[in-house]
Amino acid sequence: MNREEELKIIEDMQAVANQMRLDDIEENPDSEFEMFECQCCGEEKSLAGSVVYDGIRVCNDCVVLAETGFSLGKISSINDLLKNMEDKKLEAQCRFIKQDEIEHNN
């Protein structure tokens, strides 16, 4: 697969994930503001456009990463993406803890 084909797959996955998010918001407008902690990146994200893979809910941004990884043959399961995202998730958790400490100290 050449670079152009890879870029096309990435663009297609971004478009699909964005449409999923828009569809969720159209079906349930509150989903845009309902938040959850993504089990992949660890960030607080909108429920709109999120997907559950093998019992693991991931945000719309991570859906793009997962689906792109699947399409490019870079990952074979959501667990592969979770392993690759461990550092990012840890960083998000550390930011949350620091922010929580700041809010409780003021």
PDB file of N, CA and C in Angstrom:
ATOM      1  N   MET A   1       0.858  -1.179   0.000  1.00  0.00           N
ATOM      2  CA  MET A   1       0.000   0.000   0.000  1.00  0.00           C
ATOM      3  C   MET A   1       0.899   1.235   0.000  1.00  0.00           C
ATOM      4  N   ASN A   2       0.616   2.160  -0.910  1.00  0.00           N
ATOM      5  CA  ASN A   2       1.444   3.358  -0.978  1.00  0.00           C
ATOM      6  C   ASN A   2       0.913   4.456  -0.056  1.00  0.00           C
ATOM      7  N   ARG A   3       1.662   5.516   0.052  1.00  0.00           N
ATOM      8  CA  ARG A   3       1.337   6.613   0.968  1.00  0.00           C
ATOM      9  C   ARG A   3      -0.011   7.254   0.625  1.00  0.00           C
ATOM     10  N   GLU A   4      -0.290   7.421  -0.661  1.00  0.00           N
ATOM     11  CA  GLU A   4      -1.565   8.007  -1.077  1.00  0.00           C
ATOM     12  C   GLU A   4      -2.746   7.151  -0.628  1.00  0.00           C
ATOM     13  N   GLU A   5      -2.623   5.838  -0.759  1.00  0.00           N
ATOM     14  CA  GLU A   5      -3.690   4.931  -0.321  1.00  0.00           C
ATOM     15  C   GLU A   5      -3.878   5.008   1.194  1.00  0.00           C
ATOM     16  N   GLU A   6      -2.770   5.083   1.920  1.00  0.00           N
ATOM     17  CA  GLU A   6      -2.853   5.211   3.379  1.00  0.00           C
ATOM     18  C   GLU A   6      -3.548   6.506   3.779  1.00  0.00           C
ATOM     19  N   LEU A   7      -3.179   7.607   3.128  1.00  0.00           N
ATOM     20  CA  LEU A   7      -3.811   8.895   3.434  1.00  0.00           C
ATOM     21  C   LEU A   7      -5.303   8.872   3.115  1.00  0.00           C
ATOM     22  N   LYS A   8      -5.671   8.206   2.039  1.00  0.00           N
ATOM     23  CA  LYS A   8      -7.096   8.084   1.672  1.00  0.00           C
ATOM     24  C   LYS A   8      -7.857   7.315   2.742  1.00  0.00           C
ATOM     25  N   ILE A   9      -7.267   6.237   3.239  1.00  0.00           N
ATOM     26  CA  ILE A   9      -7.902   5.455   4.308  1.00  0.00           C
ATOM     27  C   ILE A   9      -8.081   6.317   5.551  1.00  0.00           C
ATOM     28  N   ILE A  10      -7.050   7.070   5.909  1.00  0.00           N
ATOM     29  CA  ILE A  10      -7.131   7.935   7.091  1.00  0.00           C
ATOM     30  C   ILE A  10      -8.243   8.967   6.919  1.00  0.00           C
ATOM     31  N   GLU A  11      -8.293   9.615   5.760  1.00  0.00           N
ATOM     32  CA  GLU A  11      -9.343  10.607   5.491  1.00  0.00           C
ATOM     33  C   GLU A  11     -10.726   9.972   5.541  1.00  0.00           C
ATOM     34  N   ASP A  12     -10.864   8.786   4.958  1.00  0.00           N
ATOM     35  CA  ASP A  12     -12.148   8.081   4.970  1.00  0.00           C
ATOM     36  C   ASP A  12     -12.583   7.749   6.396  1.00  0.00           C
ATOM     37  N   MET A  13     -11.657   7.280   7.215  1.00  0.00           N
ATOM     38  CA  MET A  13     -11.981   6.921   8.598  1.00  0.00           C
ATOM     39  C   MET A  13     -12.367   8.159   9.409  1.00  0.00           C
ATOM     40  N   GLN A  14     -11.689   9.273   9.159  1.00  0.00           N
ATOM     41  CA  GLN A  14     -12.046  10.519   9.841  1.00  0.00           C
ATOM     42  C   GLN A  14     -13.461  10.944   9.472  1.00  0.00           C
ATOM     43  N   ALA A  15     -13.793  10.822   8.197  1.00  0.00           N
ATOM     44  CA  ALA A  15     -15.128  11.201   7.730  1.00  0.00           C
ATOM     45  C   ALA A  15     -16.202  10.285   8.325  1.00  0.00           C
ATOM     46  N   VAL A  16     -15.925   8.988   8.359  1.00  0.00           N
ATOM     47  CA  VAL A  16     -16.883   8.030   8.921  1.00  0.00           C
ATOM     48  C   VAL A  16     -17.101   8.310  10.406  1.00  0.00           C
ATOM     49  N   ALA A  17     -16.021   8.510  11.147  1.00  0.00           N
ATOM     50  CA  ALA A  17     -16.135   8.768  12.589  1.00  0.00           C
ATOM     51  C   ALA A  17     -16.871  10.074  12.857  1.00  0.00           C
ATOM     52  N   ASN A  18     -16.603  11.095  12.052  1.00  0.00           N
ATOM     53  CA  ASN A  18     -17.305  12.363  12.222  1.00  0.00           C
ATOM     54  C   ASN A  18     -18.795  12.192  11.947  1.00  0.00           C
ATOM     55  N   GLN A  19     -19.132  11.410  10.918  1.00  0.00           N
ATOM     56  CA  GLN A  19     -20.543  11.167  10.618  1.00  0.00           C
ATOM     57  C   GLN A  19     -21.217  10.393  11.741  1.00  0.00           C
ATOM     58  N   MET A  20     -20.499   9.453  12.341  1.00  0.00           N
ATOM     59  CA  MET A  20     -21.048   8.705  13.487  1.00  0.00           C
ATOM     60  C   MET A  20     -21.373   9.665  14.631  1.00  0.00           C
ATOM     61  N   ARG A  21     -20.459  10.612  14.880  1.00  0.00           N
ATOM     62  CA  ARG A  21     -20.659  11.601  15.942  1.00  0.00           C
ATOM     63  C   ARG A  21     -21.888  12.455  15.636  1.00  0.00           C
ATOM     64  N   LEU A  22     -21.992  12.925  14.398  1.00  0.00           N
ATOM     65  CA  LEU A  22     -23.136  13.746  13.996  1.00  0.00           C
ATOM     66  C   LEU A  22     -24.442  12.959  14.081  1.00  0.00           C
ATOM     67  N   ASP A  23     -24.420  11.694  13.672  1.00  0.00           N
ATOM     68  CA  ASP A  23     -25.613  10.844  13.756  1.00  0.00           C
ATOM     69  C   ASP A  23     -26.056  10.668  15.204  1.00  0.00           C
ATOM     70  N   ASP A  24     -25.091  10.441  16.100  1.00  0.00           N
ATOM     71  CA  ASP A  24     -25.417  10.289  17.524  1.00  0.00           C
ATOM     72  C   ASP A  24     -26.052  11.563  18.074  1.00  0.00           C
ATOM     73  N   ILE A  25     -25.504  12.718  17.687  1.00  0.00           N
ATOM     74  CA  ILE A  25     -26.043  13.995  18.164  1.00  0.00           C
ATOM     75  C   ILE A  25     -27.446  14.224  17.608  1.00  0.00           C
ATOM     76  N   GLU A  26     -27.661  13.854  16.349  1.00  0.00           N
ATOM     77  CA  GLU A  26     -28.997  14.006  15.755  1.00  0.00           C
ATOM     78  C   GLU A  26     -30.006  13.105  16.467  1.00  0.00           C
ATOM     79  N   GLU A  27     -29.578  11.883  16.769  1.00  0.00           N
ATOM     80  CA  GLU A  27     -30.462  10.924  17.439  1.00  0.00           C
ATOM     81  C   GLU A  27     -30.709  11.298  18.890  1.00  0.00           C
ATOM     82  N   ASN A  28     -29.676  11.803  19.562  1.00  0.00           N
ATOM     83  CA  ASN A  28     -29.775  12.182  20.971  1.00  0.00           C
ATOM     84  C   ASN A  28     -28.907  13.415  21.196  1.00  0.00           C
ATOM     85  N   PRO A  29     -29.481  14.619  21.059  1.00  0.00           N
ATOM     86  CA  PRO A  29     -28.692  15.848  21.185  1.00  0.00           C
ATOM     87  C   PRO A  29     -27.895  15.944  22.485  1.00  0.00           C
ATOM     88  N   ASP A  30     -28.398  15.354  23.561  1.00  0.00           N
ATOM     89  CA  ASP A  30     -27.685  15.405  24.835  1.00  0.00           C
ATOM     90  C   ASP A  30     -26.361  14.645  24.802  1.00  0.00           C
ATOM     91  N   SER A  31     -26.226  13.696  23.867  1.00  0.00           N
ATOM     92  CA  SER A  31     -25.008  12.881  23.825  1.00  0.00           C
ATOM     93  C   SER A  31     -23.760  13.721  23.584  1.00  0.00           C
ATOM     94  N   GLU A  32     -23.941  14.894  22.964  1.00  0.00           N
ATOM     95  CA  GLU A  32     -22.793  15.773  22.721  1.00  0.00           C
ATOM     96  C   GLU A  32     -22.212  16.293  24.031  1.00  0.00           C
ATOM     97  N   PHE A  33     -23.057  16.406  25.053  1.00  0.00           N
ATOM     98  CA  PHE A  33     -22.635  16.989  26.323  1.00  0.00           C
ATOM     99  C   PHE A  33     -22.491  15.950  27.438  1.00  0.00           C
ATOM    100  N   GLU A  34     -22.908  14.707  27.168  1.00  0.00           N
ATOM    101  CA  GLU A  34     -22.708  13.627  28.127  1.00  0.00           C
ATOM    102  C   GLU A  34     -21.265  13.168  28.004  1.00  0.00           C
ATOM    103  N   MET A  35     -20.548  13.212  29.114  1.00  0.00           N
ATOM    104  CA  MET A  35     -19.122  12.931  29.079  1.00  0.00           C
ATOM    105  C   MET A  35     -18.819  11.575  29.733  1.00  0.00           C
ATOM    106  N   PHE A  36     -17.719  10.990  29.313  1.00  0.00           N
ATOM    107  CA  PHE A  36     -17.232   9.751  29.911  1.00  0.00           C
ATOM    108  C   PHE A  36     -15.715   9.743  29.788  1.00  0.00           C
ATOM    109  N   GLU A  37     -15.072   8.889  30.576  1.00  0.00           N
ATOM    110  CA  GLU A  37     -13.622   8.761  30.479  1.00  0.00           C
ATOM    111  C   GLU A  37     -13.312   7.667  29.471  1.00  0.00           C
ATOM    112  N   CYS A  38     -12.669   8.058  28.384  1.00  0.00           N
ATOM    113  CA  CYS A  38     -12.306   7.098  27.346  1.00  0.00           C
ATOM    114  C   CYS A  38     -11.351   6.062  27.933  1.00  0.00           C
ATOM    115  N   GLN A  39     -11.660   4.807  27.728  1.00  0.00           N
ATOM    116  CA  GLN A  39     -10.835   3.728  28.264  1.00  0.00           C
ATOM    117  C   GLN A  39      -9.541   3.553  27.485  1.00  0.00           C
ATOM    118  N   CYS A  40      -9.418   4.291  26.381  1.00  0.00           N
ATOM    119  CA  CYS A  40      -8.213   4.191  25.561  1.00  0.00           C
ATOM    120  C   CYS A  40      -7.252   5.339  25.853  1.00  0.00           C
ATOM    121  N   CYS A  41      -7.703   6.580  25.644  1.00  0.00           N
ATOM    122  CA  CYS A  41      -6.805   7.732  25.831  1.00  0.00           C
ATOM    123  C   CYS A  41      -6.856   8.286  27.249  1.00  0.00           C
ATOM    124  N   GLY A  42      -7.890   7.917  28.008  1.00  0.00           N
ATOM    125  CA  GLY A  42      -7.991   8.367  29.398  1.00  0.00           C
ATOM    126  C   GLY A  42      -8.556   9.763  29.558  1.00  0.00           C
ATOM    127  N   GLU A  43      -8.944  10.391  28.470  1.00  0.00           N
ATOM    128  CA  GLU A  43      -9.467  11.747  28.543  1.00  0.00           C
ATOM    129  C   GLU A  43     -10.979  11.744  28.707  1.00  0.00           C
ATOM    130  N   GLU A  44     -11.498  12.837  29.252  1.00  0.00           N
ATOM    131  CA  GLU A  44     -12.935  13.036  29.402  1.00  0.00           C
ATOM    132  C   GLU A  44     -13.459  13.483  28.042  1.00  0.00           C
ATOM    133  N   LYS A  45     -14.323  12.676  27.429  1.00  0.00           N
ATOM    134  CA  LYS A  45     -14.781  12.955  26.070  1.00  0.00           C
ATOM    135  C   LYS A  45     -16.295  12.839  25.970  1.00  0.00           C
ATOM    136  N   SER A  46     -16.820  13.380  24.896  1.00  0.00           N
ATOM    137  CA  SER A  46     -18.246  13.332  24.603  1.00  0.00           C
ATOM    138  C   SER A  46     -18.660  11.907  24.240  1.00  0.00           C
ATOM    139  N   LEU A  47     -19.838  11.530  24.702  1.00  0.00           N
ATOM    140  CA  LEU A  47     -20.383  10.215  24.387  1.00  0.00           C
ATOM    141  C   LEU A  47     -20.718  10.094  22.895  1.00  0.00           C
ATOM    142  N   ALA A  48     -21.017  11.227  22.263  1.00  0.00           N
ATOM    143  CA  ALA A  48     -21.365  11.226  20.840  1.00  0.00           C
ATOM    144  C   ALA A  48     -20.206  10.690  20.010  1.00  0.00           C
ATOM    145  N   GLY A  49     -20.505   9.696  19.200  1.00  0.00           N
ATOM    146  CA  GLY A  49     -19.492   9.128  18.310  1.00  0.00           C
ATOM    147  C   GLY A  49     -18.593   8.091  18.952  1.00  0.00           C
ATOM    148  N   SER A  50     -18.818   7.825  20.234  1.00  0.00           N
ATOM    149  CA  SER A  50     -18.010   6.797  20.887  1.00  0.00           C
ATOM    150  C   SER A  50     -18.498   5.416  20.461  1.00  0.00           C
ATOM    151  N   VAL A  51     -17.634   4.435  20.613  1.00  0.00           N
ATOM    152  CA  VAL A  51     -17.955   3.065  20.207  1.00  0.00           C
ATOM    153  C   VAL A  51     -17.460   2.112  21.287  1.00  0.00           C
ATOM    154  N   VAL A  52     -18.180   1.009  21.468  1.00  0.00           N
ATOM    155  CA  VAL A  52     -17.747  -0.037  22.381  1.00  0.00           C
ATOM    156  C   VAL A  52     -17.190  -1.195  21.561  1.00  0.00           C
ATOM    157  N   TYR A  53     -15.913  -1.481  21.776  1.00  0.00           N
ATOM    158  CA  TYR A  53     -15.243  -2.621  21.147  1.00  0.00           C
ATOM    159  C   TYR A  53     -14.952  -3.630  22.245  1.00  0.00           C
ATOM    160  N   ASP A  54     -15.461  -4.827  22.128  1.00  0.00           N
ATOM    161  CA  ASP A  54     -15.185  -5.885  23.108  1.00  0.00           C
ATOM    162  C   ASP A  54     -15.364  -5.394  24.539  1.00  0.00           C
ATOM    163  N   GLY A  55     -16.432  -4.628  24.781  1.00  0.00           N
ATOM    164  CA  GLY A  55     -16.727  -4.140  26.123  1.00  0.00           C
ATOM    165  C   GLY A  55     -15.920  -2.928  26.545  1.00  0.00           C
ATOM    166  N   ILE A  56     -15.144  -2.349  25.635  1.00  0.00           N
ATOM    167  CA  ILE A  56     -14.291  -1.202  25.948  1.00  0.00           C
ATOM    168  C   ILE A  56     -14.811   0.004  25.184  1.00  0.00           C
ATOM    169  N   ARG A  57     -15.280   1.022  25.926  1.00  0.00           N
ATOM    170  CA  ARG A  57     -15.812   2.230  25.267  1.00  0.00           C
ATOM    171  C   ARG A  57     -14.659   3.178  24.979  1.00  0.00           C
ATOM    172  N   VAL A  58     -14.585   3.595  23.706  1.00  0.00           N
ATOM    173  CA  VAL A  58     -13.563   4.544  23.292  1.00  0.00           C
ATOM    174  C   VAL A  58     -14.220   5.763  22.659  1.00  0.00           C
ATOM    175  N   CYS A  59     -13.556   6.906  22.808  1.00  0.00           N
ATOM    176  CA  CYS A  59     -14.079   8.158  22.272  1.00  0.00           C
ATOM    177  C   CYS A  59     -13.973   8.187  20.747  1.00  0.00           C
ATOM    178  N   ASN A  60     -14.600   9.185  20.172  1.00  0.00           N
ATOM    179  CA  ASN A  60     -14.620   9.317  18.718  1.00  0.00           C
ATOM    180  C   ASN A  60     -13.216   9.467  18.141  1.00  0.00           C
ATOM    181  N   ASP A  61     -12.337  10.192  18.841  1.00  0.00           N
ATOM    182  CA  ASP A  61     -10.962  10.335  18.358  1.00  0.00           C
ATOM    183  C   ASP A  61     -10.253   8.986  18.319  1.00  0.00           C
ATOM    184  N   CYS A  62     -10.472   8.185  19.348  1.00  0.00           N
ATOM    185  CA  CYS A  62      -9.838   6.863  19.393  1.00  0.00           C
ATOM    186  C   CYS A  62     -10.492   5.891  18.414  1.00  0.00           C
ATOM    187  N   VAL A  63     -11.776   6.122  18.087  1.00  0.00           N
ATOM    188  CA  VAL A  63     -12.433   5.324  17.039  1.00  0.00           C
ATOM    189  C   VAL A  63     -11.683   5.525  15.722  1.00  0.00           C
ATOM    190  N   VAL A  64     -11.316   6.776  15.441  1.00  0.00           N
ATOM    191  CA  VAL A  64     -10.553   7.057  14.212  1.00  0.00           C
ATOM    192  C   VAL A  64      -9.242   6.277  14.235  1.00  0.00           C
ATOM    193  N   LEU A  65      -8.542   6.335  15.370  1.00  0.00           N
ATOM    194  CA  LEU A  65      -7.274   5.606  15.484  1.00  0.00           C
ATOM    195  C   LEU A  65      -7.475   4.106  15.318  1.00  0.00           C
ATOM    196  N   ALA A  66      -8.511   3.568  15.976  1.00  0.00           N
ATOM    197  CA  ALA A  66      -8.773   2.126  15.916  1.00  0.00           C
ATOM    198  C   ALA A  66      -9.115   1.692  14.493  1.00  0.00           C
ATOM    199  N   GLU A  67     -10.062   2.368  13.890  1.00  0.00           N
ATOM    200  CA  GLU A  67     -10.515   1.969  12.562  1.00  0.00           C
ATOM    201  C   GLU A  67      -9.417   2.154  11.512  1.00  0.00           C
ATOM    202  N   THR A  68      -8.629   3.207  11.656  1.00  0.00           N
ATOM    203  CA  THR A  68      -7.498   3.402  10.753  1.00  0.00           C
ATOM    204  C   THR A  68      -6.478   2.290  10.947  1.00  0.00           C
ATOM    205  N   GLY A  69      -6.193   1.976  12.205  1.00  0.00           N
ATOM    206  CA  GLY A  69      -5.251   0.889  12.508  1.00  0.00           C
ATOM    207  C   GLY A  69      -5.716  -0.444  11.964  1.00  0.00           C
ATOM    208  N   PHE A  70      -7.018  -0.717  12.097  1.00  0.00           N
ATOM    209  CA  PHE A  70      -7.567  -1.963  11.550  1.00  0.00           C
ATOM    210  C   PHE A  70      -7.419  -1.984  10.029  1.00  0.00           C
ATOM    211  N   SER A  71      -7.807  -0.874   9.394  1.00  0.00           N
ATOM    212  CA  SER A  71      -7.788  -0.805   7.927  1.00  0.00           C
ATOM    213  C   SER A  71      -6.379  -0.901   7.351  1.00  0.00           C
ATOM    214  N   LEU A  72      -5.407  -0.344   8.066  1.00  0.00           N
ATOM    215  CA  LEU A  72      -4.022  -0.367   7.588  1.00  0.00           C
ATOM    216  C   LEU A  72      -3.274  -1.626   8.025  1.00  0.00           C
ATOM    217  N   GLY A  73      -3.963  -2.466   8.815  1.00  0.00           N
ATOM    218  CA  GLY A  73      -3.326  -3.693   9.280  1.00  0.00           C
ATOM    219  C   GLY A  73      -2.278  -3.458  10.357  1.00  0.00           C
ATOM    220  N   LYS A  74      -2.344  -2.306  11.025  1.00  0.00           N
ATOM    221  CA  LYS A  74      -1.375  -1.973  12.073  1.00  0.00           C
ATOM    222  C   LYS A  74      -1.758  -2.584  13.418  1.00  0.00           C
ATOM    223  N   ILE A  75      -3.059  -2.782  13.629  1.00  0.00           N
ATOM    224  CA  ILE A  75      -3.552  -3.426  14.849  1.00  0.00           C
ATOM    225  C   ILE A  75      -4.598  -4.459  14.464  1.00  0.00           C
ATOM    226  N   SER A  76      -4.757  -5.460  15.317  1.00  0.00           N
ATOM    227  CA  SER A  76      -5.739  -6.500  15.018  1.00  0.00           C
ATOM    228  C   SER A  76      -6.884  -6.525  16.028  1.00  0.00           C
ATOM    229  N   SER A  77      -6.722  -5.824  17.148  1.00  0.00           N
ATOM    230  CA  SER A  77      -7.787  -5.765  18.149  1.00  0.00           C
ATOM    231  C   SER A  77      -7.708  -4.449  18.899  1.00  0.00           C
ATOM    232  N   ILE A  78      -8.765  -4.112  19.607  1.00  0.00           N
ATOM    233  CA  ILE A  78      -8.771  -2.883  20.390  1.00  0.00           C
ATOM    234  C   ILE A  78      -7.690  -2.939  21.467  1.00  0.00           C
ATOM    235  N   ASN A  79      -7.363  -4.134  21.934  1.00  0.00           N
ATOM    236  CA  ASN A  79      -6.316  -4.266  22.955  1.00  0.00           C
ATOM    237  C   ASN A  79      -4.963  -3.816  22.424  1.00  0.00           C
ATOM    238  N   ASP A  80      -4.711  -4.000  21.130  1.00  0.00           N
ATOM    239  CA  ASP A  80      -3.468  -3.504  20.531  1.00  0.00           C
ATOM    240  C   ASP A  80      -3.397  -1.981  20.654  1.00  0.00           C
ATOM    241  N   LEU A  81      -4.523  -1.318  20.383  1.00  0.00           N
ATOM    242  CA  LEU A  81      -4.551   0.140  20.485  1.00  0.00           C
ATOM    243  C   LEU A  81      -4.381   0.565  21.940  1.00  0.00           C
ATOM    244  N   LEU A  82      -5.034  -0.138  22.866  1.00  0.00           N
ATOM    245  CA  LEU A  82      -4.903   0.198  24.289  1.00  0.00           C
ATOM    246  C   LEU A  82      -3.439   0.153  24.724  1.00  0.00           C
ATOM    247  N   LYS A  83      -2.733  -0.880  24.302  1.00  0.00           N
ATOM    248  CA  LYS A  83      -1.311  -1.001  24.653  1.00  0.00           C
ATOM    249  C   LYS A  83      -0.520   0.169  24.085  1.00  0.00           C
ATOM    250  N   ASN A  84      -0.822   0.549  22.845  1.00  0.00           N
ATOM    251  CA  ASN A  84      -0.108   1.648  22.205  1.00  0.00           C
ATOM    252  C   ASN A  84      -0.447   3.010  22.823  1.00  0.00           C
ATOM    253  N   MET A  85      -1.582   3.098  23.494  1.00  0.00           N
ATOM    254  CA  MET A  85      -2.033   4.372  24.061  1.00  0.00           C
ATOM    255  C   MET A  85      -1.755   4.493  25.560  1.00  0.00           C
ATOM    256  N   GLU A  86      -1.095   3.533  26.156  1.00  0.00           N
ATOM    257  CA  GLU A  86      -0.881   3.545  27.609  1.00  0.00           C
ATOM    258  C   GLU A  86      -0.218   4.831  28.087  1.00  0.00           C
ATOM    259  N   ASP A  87       0.810   5.301  27.381  1.00  0.00           N
ATOM    260  CA  ASP A  87       1.503   6.520  27.804  1.00  0.00           C
ATOM    261  C   ASP A  87       0.582   7.734  27.751  1.00  0.00           C
ATOM    262  N   LYS A  88      -0.197   7.846  26.687  1.00  0.00           N
ATOM    263  CA  LYS A  88      -1.128   8.968  26.550  1.00  0.00           C
ATOM    264  C   LYS A  88      -2.176   8.926  27.658  1.00  0.00           C
ATOM    265  N   LYS A  89      -2.666   7.744  27.973  1.00  0.00           N
ATOM    266  CA  LYS A  89      -3.669   7.608  29.030  1.00  0.00           C
ATOM    267  C   LYS A  89      -3.071   8.007  30.376  1.00  0.00           C
ATOM    268  N   LEU A  90      -1.851   7.593  30.650  1.00  0.00           N
ATOM    269  CA  LEU A  90      -1.185   7.943  31.897  1.00  0.00           C
ATOM    270  C   LEU A  90      -1.010   9.457  32.002  1.00  0.00           C
ATOM    271  N   GLU A  91      -0.625  10.100  30.907  1.00  0.00           N
ATOM    272  CA  GLU A  91      -0.480  11.555  30.897  1.00  0.00           C
ATOM    273  C   GLU A  91      -1.808  12.237  31.213  1.00  0.00           C
ATOM    274  N   ALA A  92      -2.887  11.736  30.635  1.00  0.00           N
ATOM    275  CA  ALA A  92      -4.215  12.310  30.883  1.00  0.00           C
ATOM    276  C   ALA A  92      -4.605  12.141  32.345  1.00  0.00           C
ATOM    277  N   GLN A  93      -4.319  10.996  32.929  1.00  0.00           N
ATOM    278  CA  GLN A  93      -4.640  10.761  34.331  1.00  0.00           C
ATOM    279  C   GLN A  93      -3.833  11.683  35.236  1.00  0.00           C
ATOM    280  N   CYS A  94      -2.562  11.902  34.903  1.00  0.00           N
ATOM    281  CA  CYS A  94      -1.721  12.803  35.691  1.00  0.00           C
ATOM    282  C   CYS A  94      -2.246  14.230  35.615  1.00  0.00           C
ATOM    283  N   ARG A  95      -2.663  14.671  34.422  1.00  0.00           N
ATOM    284  CA  ARG A  95      -3.237  16.012  34.273  1.00  0.00           C
ATOM    285  C   ARG A  95      -4.490  16.148  35.128  1.00  0.00           C
ATOM    286  N   PHE A  96      -5.334  15.104  35.139  1.00  0.00           N
ATOM    287  CA  PHE A  96      -6.568  15.134  35.917  1.00  0.00           C
ATOM    288  C   PHE A  96      -6.239  15.260  37.407  1.00  0.00           C
ATOM    289  N   ILE A  97      -5.282  14.488  37.879  1.00  0.00           N
ATOM    290  CA  ILE A  97      -4.905  14.513  39.300  1.00  0.00           C
ATOM    291  C   ILE A  97      -4.374  15.896  39.678  1.00  0.00           C
ATOM    292  N   LYS A  98      -3.502  16.471  38.839  1.00  0.00           N
ATOM    293  CA  LYS A  98      -2.957  17.799  39.113  1.00  0.00           C
ATOM    294  C   LYS A  98      -4.061  18.841  39.146  1.00  0.00           C
ATOM    295  N   GLN A  99      -4.978  18.774  38.189  1.00  0.00           N
ATOM    296  CA  GLN A  99      -6.089  19.734  38.136  1.00  0.00           C
ATOM    297  C   GLN A  99      -6.975  19.571  39.354  1.00  0.00           C
ATOM    298  N   ASP A 100      -7.229  18.360  39.758  1.00  0.00           N
ATOM    299  CA  ASP A 100      -8.051  18.087  40.943  1.00  0.00           C
ATOM    300  C   ASP A 100      -7.398  18.667  42.197  1.00  0.00           C
ATOM    301  N   GLU A 101      -6.088  18.518  42.314  1.00  0.00           N
ATOM    302  CA  GLU A 101      -5.353  19.060  43.462  1.00  0.00           C
ATOM    303  C   GLU A 101      -5.445  20.578  43.478  1.00  0.00           C
ATOM    304  N   ILE A 102      -5.300  21.204  42.316  1.00  0.00           N
ATOM    305  CA  ILE A 102      -5.381  22.658  42.225  1.00  0.00           C
ATOM    306  C   ILE A 102      -6.763  23.130  42.660  1.00  0.00           C
ATOM    307  N   GLU A 103      -7.809  22.459  42.182  1.00  0.00           N
ATOM    308  CA  GLU A 103      -9.181  22.861  42.522  1.00  0.00           C
ATOM    309  C   GLU A 103      -9.462  22.679  44.001  1.00  0.00           C
ATOM    310  N   HIS A 104      -8.924  21.647  44.615  1.00  0.00           N
ATOM    311  CA  HIS A 104      -9.179  21.393  46.032  1.00  0.00           C
ATOM    312  C   HIS A 104      -8.324  22.259  46.947  1.00  0.00           C
ATOM    313  N   ASN A 105      -7.231  22.819  46.435  1.00  0.00           N
ATOM    314  CA  ASN A 105      -6.362  23.674  47.232  1.00  0.00           C
ATOM    315  C   ASN A 105      -6.769  25.142  47.178  1.00  0.00           C
ATOM    316  N   ASN A 106      -7.712  25.465  46.298  1.00  0.00           N
ATOM    317  CA  ASN A 106      -8.159  26.868  46.171  1.00  0.00           C
ATOM    318  C   ASN A 106      -9.430  27.106  46.907  1.00  0.00           C
TER     319      ASN A 106
END
